């Protein structure tokens, strides 16, 4: 799930008495980034296959999907295919998160039998009509954000550090800032609060159920709540298999239109 970050920079040193506090603030910000680096490095990079159910109780619909993931060279590749209901069946997504260079997202639209590249504007739209956005489904570029600690809080029974962040180029991002709850013991993010362009809380993403599967912490149930619209969507993973045998061809654009 995509993360968001915010940081308040030190732009000037006004007097010698402020040197120590400013240095302390910079060190704290570096530690916040370092913690997020550790969280990202702890994410399993082994091939994964799973089935998922995306529901929206407030809208009264259910989507069934298959999910696949594989790390190839410098790319984190994800493939998703909707298996039901009929009105969205065979909709397919290919998400390519490059370690270097711009990320790419493609969608196959059954109605026109074409795959199209997702534009910047489309990334800010709902994913399959849910409260998740397409941009929420991809890995963030940590270098595109700056950070600071803003406190600690018990979230879902875990004592978490709170990291507030902001994008360096707000025009390219969906949210103006985010506050992330990180459990430093297990190196997992259990909640992220997303804020709109006016700085008001827009959405809250929470892991309702986190389990170890084959030794990996896995978000079994994720919820995205839009607090402004009072709507909610839930993503549940089932039949998870790590170290799955998945062909590289699954993550080629040509596979979308097979």
Protein backbone atom coordinates (compact mmCIF):
# COMPACT_ATOMS: atom_id res chain seq x y z
CA UNK A 1 0.00 0.00 0.00
CA UNK A 2 1.30 3.47 -0.93
CA UNK A 3 2.70 5.63 1.93
CA UNK A 4 2.72 9.39 2.45
CA UNK A 5 5.20 11.60 4.29
CA UNK A 6 5.76 15.12 5.65
CA UNK A 7 8.72 17.05 7.08
CA UNK A 8 9.37 20.63 8.24
CA UNK A 9 12.81 21.78 7.06
CA UNK A 10 15.22 24.13 8.79
CA UNK A 11 15.66 27.03 6.37
CA UNK A 12 17.89 29.33 8.42
CA UNK A 13 19.87 29.59 11.65
CA UNK A 14 18.77 32.79 13.37
CA UNK A 15 21.18 32.83 16.31
CA UNK A 16 23.83 30.70 17.98
CA UNK A 17 21.37 29.63 20.70
CA UNK A 18 19.29 27.82 18.05
CA UNK A 19 22.16 25.68 16.76
CA UNK A 20 21.63 22.77 19.14
CA UNK A 21 17.82 22.56 18.72
CA UNK A 22 18.13 22.74 14.94
CA UNK A 23 20.72 19.96 14.88
CA UNK A 24 18.49 17.79 17.06
CA UNK A 25 15.54 18.33 14.72
CA UNK A 26 17.58 17.35 11.68
CA UNK A 27 18.81 14.18 13.43
CA UNK A 28 15.25 13.24 14.32
CA UNK A 29 14.13 13.66 10.70
CA UNK A 30 16.97 11.44 9.53
CA UNK A 31 15.88 8.82 12.03
CA UNK A 32 12.31 8.99 10.73
CA UNK A 33 13.55 8.32 7.19
CA UNK A 34 15.80 5.56 8.45
CA UNK A 35 12.86 3.83 10.14
CA UNK A 36 10.85 3.92 6.91
CA UNK A 37 13.85 2.52 5.04
CA UNK A 38 13.93 -0.40 7.48
CA UNK A 39 10.19 -0.97 7.03
CA UNK A 40 10.56 -1.05 3.26
CA UNK A 41 13.57 -3.38 3.38
CA UNK A 42 11.60 -5.80 5.58
CA UNK A 43 8.85 -6.21 2.96
CA UNK A 44 9.18 -9.71 1.45
CA UNK A 45 10.50 -9.69 -2.11
CA UNK A 46 9.60 -13.32 -2.83
CA UNK A 47 7.05 -14.29 -5.52
CA UNK A 48 3.50 -14.22 -4.22
CA UNK A 49 0.14 -15.52 -5.43
CA UNK A 50 -3.15 -14.82 -3.66
CA UNK A 51 -6.85 -14.41 -4.06
CA UNK A 52 -8.55 -11.29 -2.75
CA UNK A 53 -11.99 -9.90 -2.10
CA UNK A 54 -12.63 -6.16 -2.35
CA UNK A 55 -15.89 -5.04 -0.76
CA UNK A 56 -17.67 -1.74 -0.26
CA UNK A 57 -20.55 -2.18 2.21
CA UNK A 58 -21.76 1.40 1.72
CA UNK A 59 -22.07 0.79 -2.03
CA UNK A 60 -23.29 -2.80 -1.80
CA UNK A 61 -20.84 -4.52 -4.13
CA UNK A 62 -18.11 -7.20 -4.03
CA UNK A 63 -15.15 -7.75 -6.40
CA UNK A 64 -13.16 -11.00 -6.52
CA UNK A 65 -9.55 -10.87 -7.75
CA UNK A 66 -6.37 -12.84 -8.22
CA UNK A 67 -3.09 -11.17 -7.29
CA UNK A 68 0.50 -11.95 -8.25
CA UNK A 69 3.78 -10.30 -7.31
CA UNK A 70 7.40 -10.82 -8.32
CA UNK A 71 10.62 -8.89 -7.93
CA UNK A 72 12.58 -8.95 -11.19
CA UNK A 73 15.95 -7.20 -11.48
CA UNK A 74 15.13 -3.61 -10.44
CA UNK A 75 11.35 -3.88 -10.74
CA UNK A 76 8.64 -4.77 -8.24
CA UNK A 77 5.93 -6.15 -10.54
CA UNK A 78 2.31 -6.72 -9.53
CA UNK A 79 -0.49 -8.22 -11.60
CA UNK A 80 -4.19 -8.14 -10.67
CA UNK A 81 -7.15 -9.64 -12.49
CA UNK A 82 -10.83 -9.28 -11.59
CA UNK A 83 -12.66 -12.61 -11.73
CA UNK A 84 -16.14 -11.43 -10.71
CA UNK A 85 -18.76 -9.97 -10.98
CA UNK A 86 -19.49 -10.06 -14.71
CA UNK A 87 -19.66 -6.28 -15.22
CA UNK A 88 -15.96 -5.87 -14.28
CA UNK A 89 -14.70 -9.41 -14.94
CA UNK A 90 -11.39 -9.66 -16.85
CA UNK A 91 -10.33 -6.12 -15.91
CA UNK A 92 -6.58 -6.43 -15.42
CA UNK A 93 -3.89 -4.26 -13.88
CA UNK A 94 -0.12 -4.34 -14.28
CA UNK A 95 1.89 -2.22 -11.82
CA UNK A 96 5.63 -1.82 -12.38
CA UNK A 97 7.52 -0.11 -9.57
CA UNK A 98 11.01 0.67 -10.90
CA UNK A 99 13.91 1.25 -8.53
CA UNK A 100 15.26 3.70 -11.11
CA UNK A 101 13.12 5.81 -13.40
CA UNK A 102 9.39 6.44 -13.54
CA UNK A 103 6.94 3.78 -12.42
CA UNK A 104 4.36 2.43 -14.87
CA UNK A 105 0.78 1.26 -14.46
CA UNK A 106 -1.37 -0.34 -17.15
CA UNK A 107 -5.01 -1.41 -17.20
CA UNK A 108 -6.79 -3.75 -19.60
CA UNK A 109 -10.38 -2.65 -20.26
CA UNK A 110 -12.52 -5.60 -21.48
CA UNK A 111 -15.16 -3.36 -23.08
CA UNK A 112 -12.67 -2.00 -25.62
CA UNK A 113 -10.27 -4.97 -25.52
CA UNK A 114 -7.28 -2.70 -25.10
CA UNK A 115 -4.60 -2.06 -22.51
CA UNK A 116 -3.93 1.58 -21.70
CA UNK A 117 -1.23 3.25 -19.65
CA UNK A 118 -2.53 4.90 -16.51
CA UNK A 119 -2.09 8.69 -16.55
CA UNK A 120 -1.19 10.90 -13.61
CA UNK A 121 -4.84 11.96 -13.33
CA UNK A 122 -6.11 8.39 -13.41
CA UNK A 123 -3.79 7.46 -10.53
CA UNK A 124 -5.82 9.82 -8.36
CA UNK A 125 -9.12 8.10 -9.18
CA UNK A 126 -10.85 5.25 -7.28
CA UNK A 127 -9.52 1.74 -7.81
CA UNK A 128 -12.43 -0.36 -9.15
CA UNK A 129 -14.85 2.19 -7.69
CA UNK A 130 -13.54 1.74 -4.14
CA UNK A 131 -12.12 4.14 -1.55
CA UNK A 132 -8.60 3.00 -2.54
CA UNK A 133 -7.03 5.10 -5.27
CA UNK A 134 -4.83 3.62 -7.99
CA UNK A 135 -1.93 5.57 -6.43
CA UNK A 136 -2.54 3.75 -3.13
CA UNK A 137 -1.69 0.44 -4.79
CA UNK A 138 1.93 1.22 -5.68
CA UNK A 139 5.16 1.56 -3.73
CA UNK A 140 6.22 5.16 -3.02
CA UNK A 141 9.51 6.77 -3.95
CA UNK A 142 10.96 7.48 -0.50
CA UNK A 143 13.28 10.10 -1.97
CA UNK A 144 10.24 12.07 -3.11
CA UNK A 145 9.24 12.88 0.48
CA UNK A 146 10.65 14.42 3.63
CA UNK A 147 9.85 13.30 7.18
CA UNK A 148 9.62 13.96 10.89
CA UNK A 149 8.43 12.16 14.00
CA UNK A 150 5.25 13.64 15.49
CA UNK A 151 4.66 11.39 18.50
CA UNK A 152 3.73 7.89 19.56
CA UNK A 153 0.38 6.10 19.84
CA UNK A 154 -1.07 2.66 20.52
CA UNK A 155 -2.75 1.52 17.30
CA UNK A 156 -4.55 -1.83 17.11
CA UNK A 157 -2.69 -3.06 20.18
CA UNK A 158 0.74 -2.06 18.86
CA UNK A 159 2.87 0.77 20.24
CA UNK A 160 3.67 2.84 17.17
CA UNK A 161 5.84 5.77 16.24
CA UNK A 162 4.03 8.40 14.19
CA UNK A 163 5.78 9.85 11.15
CA UNK A 164 4.36 12.88 9.42
CA UNK A 165 5.46 13.56 5.86
CA UNK A 166 4.98 15.79 2.87
CA UNK A 167 5.89 15.33 -0.81
CA UNK A 168 8.72 17.45 -2.17
CA UNK A 169 6.61 18.11 -5.27
CA UNK A 170 2.99 18.32 -4.02
CA UNK A 171 1.57 18.87 -7.53
CA UNK A 172 2.53 15.31 -8.49
CA UNK A 173 1.04 13.63 -5.44
CA UNK A 174 -2.49 12.71 -4.43
CA UNK A 175 -2.25 13.87 -0.82
CA UNK A 176 -0.88 17.00 0.80
CA UNK A 177 0.45 15.08 3.79
CA UNK A 178 0.13 11.79 5.61
CA UNK A 179 0.69 10.48 9.12
CA UNK A 180 1.99 6.93 9.31
CA UNK A 181 1.79 4.67 12.36
CA UNK A 182 4.83 2.36 12.36
CA UNK A 183 5.37 -0.54 14.75
CA UNK A 184 9.18 -0.45 15.15
CA UNK A 185 9.23 -3.89 16.77
CA UNK A 186 7.89 -5.83 13.79
CA UNK A 187 8.69 -3.14 11.18
CA UNK A 188 5.14 -2.88 9.88
CA UNK A 189 2.85 0.03 9.10
CA UNK A 190 -0.58 -0.48 10.66
CA UNK A 191 -2.31 2.80 9.82
CA UNK A 192 -1.91 5.78 7.50
CA UNK A 193 -3.97 8.98 7.64
CA UNK A 194 -4.21 10.86 4.34
CA UNK A 195 -4.92 14.60 4.10
CA UNK A 196 -6.41 16.53 1.18
CA UNK A 197 -5.03 19.65 -0.54
CA UNK A 198 -6.54 21.88 2.18
CA UNK A 199 -4.86 19.91 4.95
CA UNK A 200 -8.07 18.22 6.12
CA UNK A 201 -8.20 14.52 6.95
CA UNK A 202 -9.53 12.70 3.89
CA UNK A 203 -8.97 8.97 4.34
CA UNK A 204 -7.69 6.50 6.92
CA UNK A 205 -6.06 3.21 5.88
CA UNK A 206 -5.85 0.55 8.57
CA UNK A 207 -4.68 -3.04 8.75
CA UNK A 208 -7.47 -4.77 10.66
CA UNK A 209 -5.83 -8.19 10.60
CA UNK A 210 -2.10 -8.86 10.38
CA UNK A 211 -0.79 -12.43 10.39
CA UNK A 212 2.49 -14.22 9.79
CA UNK A 213 2.28 -16.45 6.72
CA UNK A 214 5.36 -18.58 6.02
CA UNK A 215 7.29 -16.29 8.36
CA UNK A 216 6.21 -13.03 6.66
CA UNK A 217 3.94 -10.42 8.21
CA UNK A 218 0.98 -10.26 5.85
CA UNK A 219 -1.94 -7.76 5.83
CA UNK A 220 -4.88 -10.17 5.69
CA UNK A 221 -7.55 -7.47 6.02
CA UNK A 222 -7.06 -3.82 5.03
CA UNK A 223 -9.68 -1.09 5.34
CA UNK A 224 -9.76 2.31 3.63
CA UNK A 225 -12.27 4.75 5.08
CA UNK A 226 -13.12 8.06 3.43
CA UNK A 227 -14.02 10.19 6.45
CA UNK A 228 -15.34 13.07 4.34
CA UNK A 229 -17.76 10.95 2.29
CA UNK A 230 -18.41 8.45 5.10
CA UNK A 231 -17.67 5.48 2.84
CA UNK A 232 -15.48 2.44 3.41
CA UNK A 233 -13.82 -0.32 1.41
CA UNK A 234 -12.21 -3.53 2.64
CA UNK A 235 -9.55 -5.67 0.94
CA UNK A 236 -9.23 -9.25 2.25
CA UNK A 237 -6.51 -11.68 1.15
CA UNK A 238 -7.09 -15.44 0.95
CA UNK A 239 -5.23 -18.50 -0.30
CA UNK A 240 -1.84 -16.83 -0.03
CA UNK A 241 1.22 -18.65 -1.37
CA UNK A 242 4.74 -17.27 -1.00
CA UNK A 243 7.64 -18.44 -3.18
CA UNK A 244 5.13 -19.25 -5.91
CA UNK A 245 6.33 -20.33 -9.34
CA UNK A 246 5.28 -17.41 -11.57
CA UNK A 247 6.54 -16.83 -15.10
CA UNK A 248 8.14 -13.46 -15.87
CA UNK A 249 5.79 -13.24 -18.85
CA UNK A 250 2.89 -12.67 -16.46
CA UNK A 251 4.29 -9.20 -15.83
CA UNK A 252 4.61 -8.13 -19.47
CA UNK A 253 2.11 -5.73 -20.99
CA UNK A 254 1.33 -8.29 -23.70
CA UNK A 255 -0.06 -10.61 -21.03
CA UNK A 256 -2.86 -8.12 -20.34
CA UNK A 257 -4.40 -8.57 -23.79
CA UNK A 258 -3.84 -12.29 -24.21
